[in-house]
Amino acid sequence: MAHERVDPDEAGLPELFWAVARRLRHASKQDLARWDISPSQSRALMVLARHDRLRLNELSEHLRIAPRSTTEVVDALEAKGLIERRPDARDRRATLATLTAAGQALVGELHRAQARATAALFEPLSAADRDRLAAILRSLA
């Protein structure tokens, strides 16, 4: 897929914002290909790392995807040995998803890869510019 180049001198704020977002997304997809996981699978791993274990419907809510899509993500990650399903002791009808040791290790690698990609993208900015950008993004978030 070809990436549309944005002329920074002619682009407005929305175009510039989305151009940077596309660069980050592209770098992320390249990193994820190394581990043969999709962006949605990566997000699921990150969510589970933050929450330890979640019911599948809770994972769906965190990922903001349909339960059927969550099942597909969980199936793929389970097949790779990165997560496991367990019955919920409080409700036998429910299933919990949790990271395996391999999943936990991969989350660490994903965090490091994300930090490298982000650092490379923002490296041309001065420390003061990075601080200002962070403040602006915090106010928007």
N, C-alpha and C. Protein backbone atom coordinates (compact mmCIF):
# COMPACT_ATOMS: atom_id res chain seq x y z
N MET A 1 0.84 -1.17 0.00
CA MET A 1 0.00 0.00 0.00
C MET A 1 0.89 1.24 0.00
N ALA A 2 0.69 2.10 -0.96
CA ALA A 2 1.47 3.33 -1.06
C ALA A 2 0.98 4.34 -0.04
N HIS A 3 1.91 5.05 0.54
CA HIS A 3 1.54 6.08 1.51
C HIS A 3 1.56 7.43 0.83
N GLU A 4 0.47 8.14 0.99
CA GLU A 4 0.37 9.46 0.40
C GLU A 4 1.28 10.40 1.16
N ARG A 5 2.12 11.10 0.43
CA ARG A 5 3.03 12.06 1.05
C ARG A 5 2.30 13.37 1.25
N VAL A 6 2.54 13.98 2.37
CA VAL A 6 1.94 15.27 2.69
C VAL A 6 3.03 16.32 2.62
N ASP A 7 2.77 17.38 1.88
CA ASP A 7 3.72 18.49 1.82
C ASP A 7 3.52 19.31 3.09
N PRO A 8 4.48 19.27 4.03
CA PRO A 8 4.30 19.96 5.32
C PRO A 8 4.07 21.46 5.17
N ASP A 9 4.59 22.04 4.10
CA ASP A 9 4.42 23.49 3.92
C ASP A 9 3.02 23.86 3.45
N GLU A 10 2.31 22.90 2.87
CA GLU A 10 0.98 23.20 2.32
C GLU A 10 -0.14 22.55 3.12
N ALA A 11 0.17 21.61 3.99
CA ALA A 11 -0.86 20.86 4.71
C ALA A 11 -1.38 21.64 5.91
N GLY A 12 -2.64 21.40 6.20
CA GLY A 12 -3.23 21.95 7.41
C GLY A 12 -3.00 21.02 8.59
N LEU A 13 -3.40 21.46 9.74
CA LEU A 13 -3.19 20.69 10.98
C LEU A 13 -3.76 19.27 10.89
N PRO A 14 -5.00 19.07 10.44
CA PRO A 14 -5.50 17.69 10.38
C PRO A 14 -4.65 16.79 9.48
N GLU A 15 -4.25 17.29 8.33
CA GLU A 15 -3.44 16.48 7.42
C GLU A 15 -2.10 16.13 8.05
N LEU A 16 -1.49 17.08 8.72
CA LEU A 16 -0.21 16.83 9.38
C LEU A 16 -0.36 15.80 10.50
N PHE A 17 -1.41 15.96 11.29
CA PHE A 17 -1.66 15.03 12.39
C PHE A 17 -1.80 13.61 11.85
N TRP A 18 -2.64 13.43 10.82
CA TRP A 18 -2.88 12.09 10.29
C TRP A 18 -1.66 11.54 9.57
N ALA A 19 -0.84 12.40 8.98
CA ALA A 19 0.40 11.93 8.36
C ALA A 19 1.33 11.33 9.41
N VAL A 20 1.44 11.98 10.55
CA VAL A 20 2.27 11.45 11.64
C VAL A 20 1.67 10.16 12.18
N ALA A 21 0.34 10.13 12.34
CA ALA A 21 -0.32 8.91 12.83
C ALA A 21 -0.09 7.75 11.86
N ARG A 22 -0.15 8.02 10.56
CA ARG A 22 0.11 6.96 9.57
C ARG A 22 1.55 6.45 9.69
N ARG A 23 2.50 7.35 9.89
CA ARG A 23 3.90 6.93 10.05
C ARG A 23 4.06 6.01 11.26
N LEU A 24 3.43 6.39 12.36
CA LEU A 24 3.50 5.55 13.57
C LEU A 24 2.85 4.20 13.33
N ARG A 25 1.68 4.20 12.69
CA ARG A 25 0.96 2.95 12.42
C ARG A 25 1.78 2.05 11.49
N HIS A 26 2.40 2.65 10.48
CA HIS A 26 3.22 1.88 9.53
C HIS A 26 4.43 1.26 10.26
N ALA A 27 5.09 2.03 11.08
CA ALA A 27 6.23 1.51 11.84
C ALA A 27 5.79 0.38 12.77
N SER A 28 4.63 0.54 13.38
CA SER A 28 4.10 -0.48 14.28
C SER A 28 3.81 -1.77 13.52
N LYS A 29 3.17 -1.65 12.35
CA LYS A 29 2.85 -2.84 11.56
C LYS A 29 4.12 -3.57 11.15
N GLN A 30 5.17 -2.83 10.80
CA GLN A 30 6.44 -3.47 10.43
C GLN A 30 7.02 -4.22 11.62
N ASP A 31 6.97 -3.62 12.80
CA ASP A 31 7.47 -4.30 14.00
C ASP A 31 6.65 -5.55 14.31
N LEU A 32 5.33 -5.44 14.20
CA LEU A 32 4.46 -6.57 14.53
C LEU A 32 4.67 -7.75 13.57
N ALA A 33 5.01 -7.45 12.33
CA ALA A 33 5.23 -8.52 11.35
C ALA A 33 6.36 -9.45 11.80
N ARG A 34 7.31 -8.91 12.52
CA ARG A 34 8.43 -9.71 13.04
C ARG A 34 7.92 -10.84 13.94
N TRP A 35 6.83 -10.57 14.65
CA TRP A 35 6.28 -11.58 15.57
C TRP A 35 5.03 -12.26 15.00
N ASP A 36 4.67 -11.93 13.79
CA ASP A 36 3.50 -12.51 13.12
C ASP A 36 2.22 -12.30 13.94
N ILE A 37 2.05 -11.07 14.40
CA ILE A 37 0.80 -10.72 15.07
C ILE A 37 0.23 -9.45 14.45
N SER A 38 -1.08 -9.33 14.55
CA SER A 38 -1.78 -8.19 13.96
C SER A 38 -1.87 -7.06 15.00
N PRO A 39 -2.20 -5.86 14.54
CA PRO A 39 -2.41 -4.76 15.49
C PRO A 39 -3.49 -5.08 16.54
N SER A 40 -4.57 -5.73 16.14
CA SER A 40 -5.61 -6.05 17.13
C SER A 40 -5.12 -7.09 18.13
N GLN A 41 -4.30 -8.03 17.69
CA GLN A 41 -3.72 -9.00 18.61
C GLN A 41 -2.76 -8.32 19.58
N SER A 42 -1.97 -7.39 19.07
CA SER A 42 -1.05 -6.63 19.92
C SER A 42 -1.83 -5.85 20.98
N ARG A 43 -2.90 -5.19 20.57
CA ARG A 43 -3.71 -4.43 21.52
C ARG A 43 -4.28 -5.34 22.59
N ALA A 44 -4.74 -6.52 22.20
CA ALA A 44 -5.28 -7.47 23.18
C ALA A 44 -4.22 -7.87 24.19
N LEU A 45 -3.01 -8.13 23.71
CA LEU A 45 -1.92 -8.49 24.63
C LEU A 45 -1.65 -7.35 25.61
N MET A 46 -1.62 -6.12 25.11
CA MET A 46 -1.35 -4.96 25.98
C MET A 46 -2.45 -4.79 27.03
N VAL A 47 -3.70 -4.97 26.61
CA VAL A 47 -4.82 -4.85 27.55
C VAL A 47 -4.71 -5.93 28.63
N LEU A 48 -4.43 -7.15 28.22
CA LEU A 48 -4.31 -8.23 29.21
C LEU A 48 -3.12 -8.01 30.13
N ALA A 49 -2.05 -7.42 29.63
CA ALA A 49 -0.90 -7.12 30.48
C ALA A 49 -1.28 -6.12 31.56
N ARG A 50 -2.15 -5.17 31.23
CA ARG A 50 -2.57 -4.17 32.22
C ARG A 50 -3.58 -4.72 33.22
N HIS A 51 -4.37 -5.70 32.82
CA HIS A 51 -5.48 -6.17 33.66
C HIS A 51 -5.30 -7.57 34.21
N ASP A 52 -4.22 -8.22 33.90
CA ASP A 52 -3.90 -9.57 34.38
C ASP A 52 -4.80 -10.63 33.75
N ARG A 53 -6.09 -10.56 33.99
CA ARG A 53 -7.03 -11.51 33.38
C ARG A 53 -8.36 -10.80 33.20
N LEU A 54 -9.02 -11.13 32.10
CA LEU A 54 -10.31 -10.51 31.80
C LEU A 54 -11.26 -11.55 31.22
N ARG A 55 -12.53 -11.37 31.51
CA ARG A 55 -13.54 -12.14 30.79
C ARG A 55 -13.51 -11.67 29.34
N LEU A 56 -13.92 -12.54 28.44
CA LEU A 56 -13.86 -12.18 27.04
C LEU A 56 -14.74 -10.97 26.72
N ASN A 57 -15.90 -10.86 27.37
CA ASN A 57 -16.75 -9.69 27.11
C ASN A 57 -16.09 -8.40 27.62
N GLU A 58 -15.33 -8.48 28.71
CA GLU A 58 -14.60 -7.31 29.20
C GLU A 58 -13.48 -6.94 28.23
N LEU A 59 -12.81 -7.95 27.70
CA LEU A 59 -11.76 -7.70 26.72
C LEU A 59 -12.35 -7.02 25.48
N SER A 60 -13.52 -7.47 25.06
CA SER A 60 -14.22 -6.83 23.93
C SER A 60 -14.45 -5.35 24.19
N GLU A 61 -14.89 -5.04 25.40
CA GLU A 61 -15.16 -3.64 25.76
C GLU A 61 -13.88 -2.82 25.72
N HIS A 62 -12.80 -3.35 26.26
CA HIS A 62 -11.52 -2.62 26.26
C HIS A 62 -11.00 -2.40 24.85
N LEU A 63 -11.20 -3.39 23.99
CA LEU A 63 -10.71 -3.30 22.61
C LEU A 63 -11.68 -2.54 21.71
N ARG A 64 -12.91 -2.36 22.21
CA ARG A 64 -13.97 -1.70 21.43
C ARG A 64 -14.23 -2.44 20.12
N ILE A 65 -14.33 -3.77 20.24
CA ILE A 65 -14.66 -4.60 19.09
C ILE A 65 -15.77 -5.57 19.49
N ALA A 66 -16.41 -6.16 18.50
CA ALA A 66 -17.51 -7.09 18.74
C ALA A 66 -16.99 -8.36 19.42
N PRO A 67 -17.82 -8.99 20.24
CA PRO A 67 -17.40 -10.23 20.91
C PRO A 67 -16.90 -11.29 19.93
N ARG A 68 -17.53 -11.40 18.77
CA ARG A 68 -17.08 -12.39 17.78
C ARG A 68 -15.65 -12.10 17.33
N SER A 69 -15.34 -10.83 17.13
CA SER A 69 -13.98 -10.45 16.73
C SER A 69 -12.99 -10.74 17.85
N THR A 70 -13.42 -10.50 19.09
CA THR A 70 -12.56 -10.80 20.24
C THR A 70 -12.25 -12.30 20.29
N THR A 71 -13.25 -13.12 20.03
CA THR A 71 -13.04 -14.57 20.02
C THR A 71 -11.99 -14.94 18.98
N GLU A 72 -12.05 -14.31 17.80
CA GLU A 72 -11.06 -14.60 16.75
C GLU A 72 -9.66 -14.18 17.19
N VAL A 73 -9.55 -13.02 17.83
CA VAL A 73 -8.25 -12.54 18.32
C VAL A 73 -7.71 -13.50 19.38
N VAL A 74 -8.56 -13.87 20.32
CA VAL A 74 -8.15 -14.77 21.40
C VAL A 74 -7.77 -16.14 20.84
N ASP A 75 -8.56 -16.64 19.89
CA ASP A 75 -8.22 -17.93 19.27
C ASP A 75 -6.82 -17.90 18.65
N ALA A 76 -6.52 -16.82 17.90
CA ALA A 76 -5.22 -16.71 17.24
C ALA A 76 -4.09 -16.61 18.26
N LEU A 77 -4.29 -15.82 19.30
CA LEU A 77 -3.24 -15.67 20.33
C LEU A 77 -3.06 -16.95 21.13
N GLU A 78 -4.15 -17.66 21.37
CA GLU A 78 -4.06 -18.93 22.08
C GLU A 78 -3.31 -19.96 21.23
N ALA A 79 -3.57 -19.97 19.93
CA ALA A 79 -2.88 -20.90 19.03
C ALA A 79 -1.38 -20.63 19.00
N LYS A 80 -0.99 -19.38 19.23
CA LYS A 80 0.44 -19.02 19.24
C LYS A 80 1.06 -19.24 20.63
N GLY A 81 0.25 -19.66 21.59
CA GLY A 81 0.77 -19.90 22.94
C GLY A 81 0.99 -18.63 23.74
N LEU A 82 0.34 -17.53 23.35
CA LEU A 82 0.56 -16.24 24.02
C LEU A 82 -0.47 -15.95 25.10
N ILE A 83 -1.64 -16.54 24.99
CA ILE A 83 -2.64 -16.41 26.04
C ILE A 83 -3.29 -17.76 26.26
N GLU A 84 -3.97 -17.86 27.39
CA GLU A 84 -4.73 -19.07 27.65
C GLU A 84 -6.09 -18.70 28.21
N ARG A 85 -7.02 -19.58 27.98
CA ARG A 85 -8.38 -19.41 28.52
C ARG A 85 -8.49 -20.25 29.78
N ARG A 86 -9.20 -19.69 30.74
CA ARG A 86 -9.46 -20.42 31.99
C ARG A 86 -10.91 -20.19 32.38
N PRO A 87 -11.51 -21.16 33.03
CA PRO A 87 -12.88 -20.92 33.52
C PRO A 87 -12.83 -19.88 34.65
N ASP A 88 -13.85 -19.08 34.71
CA ASP A 88 -13.97 -18.08 35.78
C ASP A 88 -14.53 -18.78 37.01
N ALA A 89 -13.78 -18.78 38.10
CA ALA A 89 -14.21 -19.47 39.32
C ALA A 89 -15.50 -18.88 39.89
N ARG A 90 -15.76 -17.61 39.61
CA ARG A 90 -16.97 -16.96 40.13
C ARG A 90 -18.19 -17.21 39.26
N ASP A 91 -17.97 -17.58 38.00
CA ASP A 91 -19.08 -17.81 37.08
C ASP A 91 -18.62 -18.84 36.05
N ARG A 92 -19.04 -20.09 36.24
CA ARG A 92 -18.55 -21.17 35.38
C ARG A 92 -18.94 -21.00 33.92
N ARG A 93 -19.93 -20.15 33.63
CA ARG A 93 -20.33 -19.91 32.24
C ARG A 93 -19.35 -18.97 31.54
N ALA A 94 -18.58 -18.23 32.32
CA ALA A 94 -17.67 -17.23 31.75
C ALA A 94 -16.27 -17.81 31.59
N THR A 95 -15.54 -17.25 30.65
CA THR A 95 -14.17 -17.65 30.38
C THR A 95 -13.25 -16.44 30.59
N LEU A 96 -12.13 -16.69 31.23
CA LEU A 96 -11.12 -15.65 31.43
C LEU A 96 -9.98 -15.86 30.45
N ALA A 97 -9.43 -14.75 29.97
CA ALA A 97 -8.22 -14.80 29.15
C ALA A 97 -7.09 -14.22 29.98
N THR A 98 -5.94 -14.86 29.93
CA THR A 98 -4.77 -14.39 30.66
C THR A 98 -3.51 -14.66 29.82
N LEU A 99 -2.49 -13.87 30.04
CA LEU A 99 -1.24 -14.05 29.31
C LEU A 99 -0.49 -15.27 29.82
N THR A 100 0.16 -15.96 28.91
CA THR A 100 1.10 -17.01 29.30
C THR A 100 2.45 -16.35 29.55
N ALA A 101 3.42 -17.11 29.99
CA ALA A 101 4.77 -16.56 30.17
C ALA A 101 5.31 -16.03 28.84
N ALA A 102 5.04 -16.76 27.75
CA ALA A 102 5.49 -16.30 26.43
C ALA A 102 4.78 -15.00 26.05
N GLY A 103 3.51 -14.88 26.39
CA GLY A 103 2.77 -13.65 26.12
C GLY A 103 3.33 -12.48 26.91
N GLN A 104 3.66 -12.72 28.17
CA GLN A 104 4.25 -11.66 28.99
C GLN A 104 5.59 -11.21 28.43
N ALA A 105 6.40 -12.17 27.98
CA ALA A 105 7.70 -11.83 27.39
C ALA A 105 7.51 -11.02 26.11
N LEU A 106 6.53 -11.40 25.30
CA LEU A 106 6.29 -10.68 24.06
C LEU A 106 5.81 -9.25 24.33
N VAL A 107 4.99 -9.06 25.34
CA VAL A 107 4.54 -7.71 25.70
C VAL A 107 5.75 -6.83 26.01
N GLY A 108 6.72 -7.35 26.72
CA GLY A 108 7.94 -6.59 26.99
C GLY A 108 8.66 -6.21 25.70
N GLU A 109 8.76 -7.16 24.78
CA GLU A 109 9.39 -6.87 23.49
C GLU A 109 8.60 -5.83 22.71
N LEU A 110 7.27 -5.94 22.75
CA LEU A 110 6.43 -4.97 22.03
C LEU A 110 6.59 -3.57 22.60
N HIS A 111 6.67 -3.47 23.92
CA HIS A 111 6.88 -2.16 24.56
C HIS A 111 8.22 -1.55 24.11
N ARG A 112 9.27 -2.38 24.08
CA ARG A 112 10.58 -1.88 23.67
C ARG A 112 10.57 -1.46 22.19
N ALA A 113 9.92 -2.25 21.34
CA ALA A 113 9.85 -1.90 19.91
C ALA A 113 9.06 -0.61 19.72
N GLN A 114 7.98 -0.46 20.46
CA GLN A 114 7.17 0.76 20.37
C GLN A 114 7.99 1.98 20.82
N ALA A 115 8.74 1.81 21.89
CA ALA A 115 9.56 2.92 22.39
C ALA A 115 10.63 3.31 21.36
N ARG A 116 11.25 2.31 20.71
CA ARG A 116 12.26 2.60 19.68
C ARG A 116 11.64 3.33 18.49
N ALA A 117 10.48 2.86 18.03
CA ALA A 117 9.82 3.49 16.87
C ALA A 117 9.41 4.92 17.19
N THR A 118 8.89 5.12 18.39
CA THR A 118 8.46 6.46 18.79
C THR A 118 9.66 7.38 18.94
N ALA A 119 10.72 6.88 19.55
CA ALA A 119 11.93 7.70 19.71
C ALA A 119 12.50 8.09 18.36
N ALA A 120 12.50 7.17 17.41
CA ALA A 120 13.03 7.47 16.08
C ALA A 120 12.18 8.53 15.39
N LEU A 121 10.87 8.45 15.55
CA LEU A 121 9.99 9.42 14.91
C LEU A 121 10.19 10.81 15.48
N PHE A 122 10.30 10.91 16.80
CA PHE A 122 10.37 12.21 17.45
C PHE A 122 11.80 12.71 17.67
N GLU A 123 12.79 11.92 17.27
CA GLU A 123 14.20 12.28 17.46
C GLU A 123 14.57 13.63 16.86
N PRO A 124 14.02 14.00 15.70
CA PRO A 124 14.40 15.31 15.13
C PRO A 124 13.95 16.51 15.97
N LEU A 125 13.01 16.30 16.89
CA LEU A 125 12.52 17.41 17.72
C LEU A 125 13.48 17.68 18.88
N SER A 126 13.58 18.93 19.23
CA SER A 126 14.38 19.28 20.42
C SER A 126 13.62 18.79 21.66
N ALA A 127 14.32 18.73 22.77
CA ALA A 127 13.68 18.32 24.03
C ALA A 127 12.54 19.27 24.37
N ALA A 128 12.73 20.55 24.15
CA ALA A 128 11.67 21.53 24.45
C ALA A 128 10.46 21.30 23.54
N ASP A 129 10.69 21.02 22.26
CA ASP A 129 9.58 20.75 21.34
C ASP A 129 8.83 19.48 21.73
N ARG A 130 9.57 18.44 22.15
CA ARG A 130 8.91 17.20 22.60
C ARG A 130 8.07 17.47 23.83
N ASP A 131 8.58 18.27 24.76
CA ASP A 131 7.80 18.61 25.96
C ASP A 131 6.54 19.37 25.60
N ARG A 132 6.66 20.34 24.68
CA ARG A 132 5.48 21.11 24.24
C ARG A 132 4.46 20.20 23.55
N LEU A 133 4.95 19.32 22.67
CA LEU A 133 4.05 18.41 21.98
C LEU A 133 3.35 17.49 22.97
N ALA A 134 4.07 16.98 23.94
CA ALA A 134 3.47 16.11 24.96
C ALA A 134 2.38 16.86 25.72
N ALA A 135 2.64 18.11 26.07
CA ALA A 135 1.65 18.91 26.79
C ALA A 135 0.40 19.12 25.93
N ILE A 136 0.61 19.41 24.65
CA ILE A 136 -0.53 19.61 23.75
C ILE A 136 -1.35 18.32 23.63
N LEU A 137 -0.68 17.19 23.43
CA LEU A 137 -1.37 15.92 23.28
C LEU A 137 -2.12 15.54 24.56
N ARG A 138 -1.52 15.83 25.72
CA ARG A 138 -2.22 15.57 26.99
C ARG A 138 -3.50 16.38 27.07
N SER A 139 -3.44 17.64 26.66
CA SER A 139 -4.65 18.48 26.75
C SER A 139 -5.72 17.99 25.77
N LEU A 140 -5.32 17.44 24.64
CA LEU A 140 -6.29 16.90 23.69
C LEU A 140 -6.85 15.56 24.14
N ALA A 141 -6.04 14.78 24.82
CA ALA A 141 -6.47 13.45 25.25
C ALA A 141 -7.46 13.57 26.39
